[in-house]
N, C-alpha and C. Protein backbone atom coordinates (compact mmCIF):
# COMPACT_ATOMS: atom_id res chain seq x y z
N MET A 1 121.75 45.62 69.05
CA MET A 1 121.37 45.54 70.17
C MET A 1 120.92 46.71 70.96
N ALA A 2 120.84 48.15 70.14
CA ALA A 2 120.87 49.05 70.52
C ALA A 2 119.52 49.42 70.46
N THR A 3 118.41 48.42 70.25
CA THR A 3 117.51 48.45 70.94
C THR A 3 117.34 47.36 71.38
N THR A 4 117.58 46.34 72.02
CA THR A 4 117.26 45.68 73.46
C THR A 4 117.04 46.74 75.11
N SER A 5 118.43 47.73 74.81
CA SER A 5 118.37 48.30 75.74
C SER A 5 118.09 49.39 75.84
N ALA A 6 117.49 50.11 74.75
CA ALA A 6 116.40 51.01 74.99
C ALA A 6 114.87 50.69 75.71
N ARG A 7 114.76 48.94 75.16
CA ARG A 7 113.20 49.10 75.53
C ARG A 7 113.37 48.56 76.66
N LYS A 8 114.70 48.31 77.61
CA LYS A 8 114.66 47.86 79.31
C LYS A 8 114.46 49.04 79.76
N GLU A 9 115.16 50.62 79.73
CA GLU A 9 114.77 51.67 80.05
C GLU A 9 113.86 51.97 79.90
N GLU A 10 112.53 52.08 78.67
CA GLU A 10 111.14 51.79 78.42
C GLU A 10 110.69 51.10 79.33
N THR A 11 110.97 50.42 80.04
CA THR A 11 110.11 48.83 80.85
C THR A 11 109.96 49.38 81.91
N LYS A 12 110.77 50.11 82.47
CA LYS A 12 111.53 50.32 84.14
C LYS A 12 110.02 50.74 84.45
N ILE A 13 109.49 50.74 85.66
CA ILE A 13 108.48 50.68 86.87
C ILE A 13 108.94 52.70 86.98
N ASN A 14 108.06 53.12 87.19
CA ASN A 14 108.34 54.45 88.49
C ASN A 14 108.15 54.60 89.48
N SER A 15 108.56 53.98 90.90
CA SER A 15 107.83 54.10 91.86
C SER A 15 107.97 54.48 92.49
N ALA A 16 107.83 56.53 92.26
CA ALA A 16 107.79 57.30 93.28
C ALA A 16 106.08 57.71 92.60
N ILE A 17 105.46 58.41 93.90
CA ILE A 17 104.01 58.55 94.23
C ILE A 17 104.17 59.94 93.76
N ASN A 18 103.24 60.32 92.93
CA ASN A 18 103.13 62.19 92.82
C ASN A 18 101.81 62.59 93.19
N VAL A 19 102.25 62.77 95.14
CA VAL A 19 101.43 63.64 95.89
C VAL A 19 100.58 64.97 95.76
N THR A 20 101.45 65.53 94.53
CA THR A 20 100.73 66.99 94.82
C THR A 20 99.19 67.20 94.61
N PRO A 21 98.88 66.24 93.36
CA PRO A 21 97.45 66.20 93.29
C PRO A 21 96.95 65.46 94.57
N MET A 22 96.69 65.18 94.79
CA MET A 22 95.96 64.65 96.51
C MET A 22 96.36 65.79 97.50
N VAL A 23 97.59 66.19 97.25
CA VAL A 23 97.29 67.58 98.22
C VAL A 23 96.41 69.06 98.09
N ASP A 24 96.76 69.21 96.94
CA ASP A 24 95.70 70.59 95.47
C ASP A 24 94.03 70.22 96.63
N VAL A 25 93.57 68.24 96.64
CA VAL A 25 92.45 68.73 96.21
C VAL A 25 92.52 68.29 97.73
N MET A 26 93.04 68.60 98.96
CA MET A 26 93.40 68.55 100.61
C MET A 26 93.04 69.51 100.76
N LEU A 27 93.98 70.39 100.05
CA LEU A 27 93.99 71.28 100.29
C LEU A 27 92.68 72.82 100.17
N VAL A 28 92.11 72.46 98.83
CA VAL A 28 90.43 72.53 98.25
C VAL A 28 89.77 72.21 99.57
N LEU A 29 89.12 71.36 99.61
CA LEU A 29 89.02 70.64 100.88
C LEU A 29 88.44 70.98 102.09
N LEU A 30 89.88 70.89 102.76
CA LEU A 30 90.46 72.15 103.87
C LEU A 30 89.69 72.82 103.93
N ILE A 31 89.44 74.46 102.44
CA ILE A 31 89.55 75.66 102.66
C ILE A 31 88.19 76.14 102.91
N ILE A 32 87.14 75.29 102.04
CA ILE A 32 86.10 74.91 101.92
C ILE A 32 84.78 74.50 102.95
N PHE A 33 85.56 73.53 103.99
CA PHE A 33 85.25 73.37 105.45
C PHE A 33 85.15 74.89 106.01
N MET A 34 86.35 75.05 105.91
CA MET A 34 86.79 76.39 106.70
C MET A 34 85.27 77.66 106.78
N VAL A 35 85.41 77.16 105.09
CA VAL A 35 83.94 78.89 104.93
C VAL A 35 82.81 78.55 104.96
N ILE A 36 82.69 77.00 104.78
CA ILE A 36 81.16 77.11 105.79
C ILE A 36 80.50 76.74 106.86
N MET A 37 81.64 75.52 107.73
CA MET A 37 81.06 74.86 109.00
C MET A 37 81.05 76.67 110.17
N PRO A 38 81.42 77.72 109.58
CA PRO A 38 81.12 78.91 110.62
C PRO A 38 79.38 79.55 110.31
N MET A 39 79.06 78.68 108.69
CA MET A 39 76.93 79.39 109.11
C MET A 39 77.02 78.12 108.69
N ILE A 40 77.69 77.33 109.92
CA ILE A 40 75.65 76.07 109.95
C ILE A 40 75.60 76.48 111.14
N GLN A 41 74.72 75.91 112.05
CA GLN A 41 73.47 76.62 112.92
C GLN A 41 72.54 75.48 113.30
N PRO A 42 72.65 74.97 114.41
CA PRO A 42 72.06 74.05 115.02
C PRO A 42 70.83 74.81 115.06
N GLY A 43 69.31 73.65 115.35
CA GLY A 43 67.99 74.43 114.34
C GLY A 43 68.23 74.57 113.53
N ARG A 44 66.81 75.52 113.80
CA ARG A 44 66.27 76.55 111.92
C ARG A 44 66.78 77.71 112.50
N PRO A 45 67.21 78.01 110.96
CA PRO A 45 67.01 79.65 111.54
C PRO A 45 66.62 80.79 111.42
N ALA A 46 66.12 81.73 112.57
CA ALA A 46 65.74 82.90 113.15
C ALA A 46 66.12 83.91 112.94
N GLU A 47 64.82 84.62 113.36
CA GLU A 47 65.47 86.34 113.14
C GLU A 47 65.80 86.69 114.68
N LEU A 48 66.31 86.49 115.26
CA LEU A 48 66.74 86.55 116.81
C LEU A 48 66.91 88.42 117.16
N ALA A 49 65.74 87.77 118.34
CA ALA A 49 65.68 89.39 119.19
C ALA A 49 67.13 89.89 120.03
N LYS A 50 67.55 90.85 119.53
CA LYS A 50 68.80 91.96 119.35
C LYS A 50 69.05 92.37 120.98
N THR A 51 69.91 92.27 122.07
CA THR A 51 69.80 92.60 123.10
C THR A 51 70.95 93.82 123.18
N ALA A 52 71.19 94.00 124.15
CA ALA A 52 73.21 95.31 124.52
C ALA A 52 73.48 94.40 125.38
N ASN A 53 72.51 93.49 126.42
CA ASN A 53 73.21 92.52 127.29
C ASN A 53 73.41 90.83 127.16
N PRO A 54 73.56 90.50 126.02
CA PRO A 54 72.98 89.20 125.89
C PRO A 54 74.40 87.99 127.04
N VAL A 55 73.85 87.37 127.35
CA VAL A 55 74.12 85.93 127.82
C VAL A 55 75.08 85.36 127.10
N ASP A 56 76.43 84.85 127.20
CA ASP A 56 77.10 83.62 126.44
C ASP A 56 76.74 82.40 127.01
N MET A 57 75.99 81.56 125.92
CA MET A 57 75.38 80.55 126.11
C MET A 57 76.51 79.48 125.09
N PRO A 58 77.69 78.89 125.58
CA PRO A 58 78.32 77.48 124.69
C PRO A 58 77.79 76.68 123.83
N ASP A 59 76.93 76.29 125.40
CA ASP A 59 76.21 74.84 125.49
C ASP A 59 75.81 74.71 124.62
N ALA A 60 74.78 75.75 124.54
CA ALA A 60 74.33 76.06 123.21
C ALA A 60 74.54 75.88 121.08
N ASN A 61 76.14 75.96 121.30
CA ASN A 61 76.55 75.32 120.54
C ASN A 61 76.92 74.19 120.10
N LYS A 62 76.78 72.94 121.10
CA LYS A 62 77.20 71.89 121.03
C LYS A 62 76.32 71.20 119.99
N ALA A 63 76.91 69.66 120.12
CA ALA A 63 76.11 68.36 118.78
C ALA A 63 75.03 68.35 119.95
N ASP A 64 75.45 67.75 120.75
CA ASP A 64 74.03 67.44 121.54
C ASP A 64 73.06 68.63 122.62
N ALA A 65 73.17 69.64 121.78
CA ALA A 65 72.04 70.78 122.35
C ALA A 65 70.74 70.24 121.94
N LEU A 66 70.14 70.45 123.20
CA LEU A 66 68.31 70.67 122.88
C LEU A 66 68.28 72.06 122.23
N ILE A 67 67.45 72.54 121.18
CA ILE A 67 67.30 73.66 120.70
C ILE A 67 66.11 74.13 120.16
N VAL A 68 64.89 74.80 120.89
CA VAL A 68 63.73 74.71 120.37
C VAL A 68 63.49 76.11 119.77
N ALA A 69 62.65 75.77 118.52
CA ALA A 69 62.84 77.16 117.66
C ALA A 69 61.48 77.78 118.01
N VAL A 70 61.14 78.74 118.23
CA VAL A 70 60.04 79.13 117.41
C VAL A 70 59.83 80.17 115.93
N MET A 71 58.94 80.03 115.32
CA MET A 71 59.61 80.84 113.94
C MET A 71 57.77 81.44 114.53
N HIS A 72 57.38 82.89 113.09
CA HIS A 72 57.51 83.58 113.20
C HIS A 72 55.80 83.61 112.99
N ASP A 73 55.34 83.07 112.43
CA ASP A 73 54.60 82.27 111.64
C ASP A 73 53.87 81.09 112.72
N GLY A 74 54.66 80.85 114.11
CA GLY A 74 54.66 80.00 115.54
C GLY A 74 54.38 78.52 115.29
N ARG A 75 55.01 78.19 113.98
CA ARG A 75 55.73 76.98 113.33
C ARG A 75 56.70 76.38 114.53
N LEU A 76 57.15 75.42 115.22
CA LEU A 76 58.13 74.96 116.31
C LEU A 76 58.57 74.11 116.11
N PHE A 77 60.32 73.82 116.40
CA PHE A 77 61.26 72.86 115.34
C PHE A 77 61.75 72.61 116.33
N LEU A 78 61.80 71.16 116.58
CA LEU A 78 63.00 70.21 117.48
C LEU A 78 64.16 69.98 116.80
N GLY A 79 65.32 70.83 116.96
CA GLY A 79 66.39 70.86 116.47
C GLY A 79 65.76 71.21 114.80
N ASN A 80 66.08 70.31 114.14
CA ASN A 80 65.62 70.35 112.60
C ASN A 80 64.23 69.97 112.40
N GLU A 81 63.43 69.20 113.13
CA GLU A 81 62.25 68.23 113.21
C GLU A 81 61.14 69.82 113.49
N SER A 82 59.97 68.99 112.39
CA SER A 82 59.34 69.80 112.77
C SER A 82 58.02 69.17 113.75
N VAL A 83 57.49 70.12 114.87
CA VAL A 83 56.96 68.91 115.52
C VAL A 83 55.40 70.39 116.46
N THR A 84 54.41 69.69 116.91
CA THR A 84 53.36 70.71 117.08
C THR A 84 53.53 70.78 118.54
N PRO A 85 52.66 72.31 118.76
CA PRO A 85 52.74 72.28 120.28
C PRO A 85 52.08 71.61 121.13
N GLU A 86 51.52 70.16 120.56
CA GLU A 86 51.09 69.60 121.72
C GLU A 86 51.88 68.45 122.01
N SER A 87 52.72 68.62 121.39
CA SER A 87 53.17 66.90 121.23
C SER A 87 54.95 67.43 121.68
N LEU A 88 55.21 68.97 121.83
CA LEU A 88 56.79 69.43 122.51
C LEU A 88 57.00 69.15 123.24
N GLY A 89 56.15 68.69 124.17
CA GLY A 89 56.68 68.30 126.10
C GLY A 89 57.25 67.22 125.96
N GLN A 90 56.30 66.59 124.95
CA GLN A 90 56.89 65.38 125.84
C GLN A 90 57.86 64.38 124.28
N ARG A 91 58.33 65.18 123.68
CA ARG A 91 59.34 64.74 122.72
C ARG A 91 60.76 65.66 123.58
N VAL A 92 60.47 66.79 123.59
CA VAL A 92 61.24 67.57 124.64
C VAL A 92 61.76 66.45 125.58
N LYS A 93 60.74 65.64 126.79
CA LYS A 93 60.62 64.92 127.62
C LYS A 93 61.27 64.07 127.13
N GLU A 94 62.26 62.73 126.37
CA GLU A 94 62.19 61.98 124.92
C GLU A 94 63.76 62.49 124.51
N ARG A 95 63.49 63.04 124.83
CA ARG A 95 65.02 64.39 124.24
C ARG A 95 66.12 63.69 125.49
N LEU A 96 65.34 63.99 126.84
CA LEU A 96 65.99 65.18 127.72
C LEU A 96 66.67 63.15 127.78
N ASP A 97 65.53 62.12 128.32
CA ASP A 97 65.63 60.73 128.30
C ASP A 97 67.40 60.36 128.01
N LYS A 98 66.82 61.09 127.11
CA LYS A 98 68.58 59.81 126.06
C LYS A 98 69.64 60.88 125.93
N SER A 99 69.81 62.36 126.70
CA SER A 99 71.40 62.85 126.61
C SER A 99 71.33 63.18 128.61
N SER A 100 72.39 63.07 128.31
CA SER A 100 73.68 64.45 129.00
C SER A 100 73.11 65.32 129.82
N ASN A 101 73.63 66.54 128.67
CA ASN A 101 72.67 67.36 128.83
C ASN A 101 71.57 68.38 128.93
N LYS A 102 70.69 68.13 130.24
CA LYS A 102 69.66 68.22 130.49
C LYS A 102 69.40 69.94 130.30
N ALA A 103 70.35 70.65 129.17
CA ALA A 103 69.52 72.60 129.15
C ALA A 103 68.60 72.20 128.20
N VAL A 104 67.79 73.04 128.40
CA VAL A 104 66.67 73.62 126.64
C VAL A 104 67.34 74.50 126.35
N PHE A 105 67.30 74.63 124.50
CA PHE A 105 67.74 76.76 124.34
C PHE A 105 66.59 76.94 123.35
N LEU A 106 66.02 78.29 123.73
CA LEU A 106 64.98 79.15 122.95
C LEU A 106 65.72 79.73 121.61
N ARG A 107 65.00 79.47 120.91
CA ARG A 107 65.86 80.42 119.60
C ARG A 107 63.68 80.81 118.82
N ALA A 108 63.75 82.01 120.04
CA ALA A 108 62.62 82.29 118.81
C ALA A 108 62.76 84.16 117.82
N ASP A 109 62.10 83.49 116.48
CA ASP A 109 61.69 84.09 116.01
C ASP A 109 61.75 86.42 116.63
N ALA A 110 62.57 87.10 116.29
CA ALA A 110 62.12 88.69 116.82
C ALA A 110 60.93 88.43 116.27
N ARG A 111 60.40 88.35 114.82
CA ARG A 111 58.43 88.10 115.00
C ARG A 111 57.74 87.32 115.35
N ALA A 112 57.59 86.46 116.37
CA ALA A 112 56.77 85.90 116.62
C ALA A 112 55.56 86.81 117.17
N ARG A 113 54.73 85.99 117.43
CA ARG A 113 54.32 86.78 118.74
C ARG A 113 54.49 86.41 120.16
N TYR A 114 54.10 86.85 120.51
CA TYR A 114 54.43 86.37 122.68
C TYR A 114 53.77 85.09 122.73
N GLN A 115 52.99 85.11 122.72
CA GLN A 115 51.71 83.68 123.02
C GLN A 115 52.90 82.62 122.03
N PHE A 116 53.46 82.75 121.29
CA PHE A 116 53.35 81.77 120.77
C PHE A 116 55.19 81.25 120.94
N VAL A 117 55.85 82.27 121.89
CA VAL A 117 57.00 82.21 122.87
C VAL A 117 56.70 81.48 123.82
N VAL A 118 55.38 82.36 124.26
CA VAL A 118 55.45 81.74 125.96
C VAL A 118 54.61 80.55 126.05
N ASN A 119 54.11 79.84 125.06
CA ASN A 119 53.12 78.73 124.72
C ASN A 119 54.74 77.95 124.85
N ALA A 120 55.16 78.17 123.65
CA ALA A 120 56.66 77.07 124.10
C ALA A 120 57.74 76.45 124.94
N VAL A 121 57.66 78.06 126.10
CA VAL A 121 58.07 78.03 127.20
C VAL A 121 57.27 77.19 128.74
N ASP A 122 56.16 77.73 128.04
CA ASP A 122 55.33 76.13 129.10
C ASP A 122 55.02 74.97 128.63
N ASP A 123 55.64 74.90 127.51
CA ASP A 123 55.18 73.40 127.00
C ASP A 123 56.68 72.21 127.26
N VAL A 124 58.01 73.96 127.32
CA VAL A 124 59.44 72.60 128.37
C VAL A 124 59.33 72.47 128.96
N ARG A 125 58.49 73.63 129.73
CA ARG A 125 58.67 73.57 131.14
C ARG A 125 58.24 72.05 131.66
N SER A 126 57.07 71.58 130.41
CA SER A 126 56.20 70.94 131.09
C SER A 126 56.30 69.89 131.39
N ALA A 127 57.46 69.05 130.85
CA ALA A 127 58.85 68.32 130.19
C ALA A 127 59.63 68.24 131.04
N GLY A 128 59.19 69.21 131.96
CA GLY A 128 60.52 68.97 133.50
C GLY A 128 61.46 69.90 133.70
N VAL A 129 61.38 70.64 132.15
CA VAL A 129 63.59 71.45 131.87
C VAL A 129 63.63 72.78 133.13
N ASP A 130 64.74 72.40 133.98
CA ASP A 130 64.70 73.34 134.90
C ASP A 130 65.55 74.48 134.24
N GLN A 131 66.65 73.68 133.15
CA GLN A 131 67.25 75.10 132.02
C GLN A 131 67.16 75.48 130.97
N LEU A 132 66.45 76.20 130.91
CA LEU A 132 65.99 76.89 129.38
C LEU A 132 67.01 77.96 129.47
N GLY A 133 67.26 78.47 128.11
CA GLY A 133 68.06 79.41 127.57
C GLY A 133 67.36 80.15 126.87
N LEU A 134 66.92 81.49 126.23
CA LEU A 134 66.86 81.94 125.85
C LEU A 134 67.68 82.87 125.03
N LEU A 135 67.83 82.25 123.23
CA LEU A 135 68.36 83.13 122.67
C LEU A 135 69.08 83.89 121.94
N THR A 136 69.76 85.21 122.40
CA THR A 136 69.78 85.81 121.70
C THR A 136 70.85 86.54 120.83
N GLU A 137 71.37 88.12 119.96
CA GLU A 137 71.73 88.29 119.61
C GLU A 137 72.57 90.04 119.91
N GLN A 138 73.63 90.22 120.04
CA GLN A 138 74.50 91.05 120.43
C GLN A 138 74.14 92.68 119.88
N ARG A 139 73.57 93.48 120.11
CA ARG A 139 72.81 94.48 119.33
C ARG A 139 73.54 95.16 118.75
N GLN A 140 74.40 96.02 117.78
CA GLN A 140 75.14 96.87 117.02
C GLN A 140 74.93 97.92 117.58
N PRO A 141 75.93 98.92 117.70
CA PRO A 141 75.67 100.40 118.30
C PRO A 141 75.40 101.00 117.32
N ALA A 142 75.54 102.40 117.50
CA ALA A 142 75.00 103.00 116.15
C ALA A 142 76.10 103.36 115.99
N ILE A 143 75.89 103.72 114.77
CA ILE A 143 76.97 104.57 114.09
C ILE A 143 77.06 105.83 114.23
N ALA A 144 77.91 106.65 114.70
CA ALA A 144 77.67 108.07 115.08
C ALA A 144 77.98 109.19 113.69
N LYS A 145 77.49 110.10 113.01
CA LYS A 145 77.59 111.20 111.97
C LYS A 145 78.65 111.90 112.49
């Protein structure tokens, strides 16, 4: 008789859910996203020109921001997509027709030839853009010794 009561206790189902492993995984994922998200920038990375008085352009950080990047070797990118100088104006115009935000931001590498930047600005202007923002970085003050 003692064996049947022991079997009944062994066959009972534990209905409590152990959420500790799930919480651990969620916290690890949260930490990973908190660390990685500031590193993600729209468009191609470029070493921006440094200025003493940059103008804050919060619209450039929005997901639907239209960013044209001019690399130091003259390559052009519209967002993360490589474009040719001949097709830049048409591609910007197509994107502006689909977007509610009509501003374009230019992220030019500080080492890029001035002619590459001027040509990109001219191509963007030919697409009918009136608001063109030049993205720069804050110059760090010199440390006094």
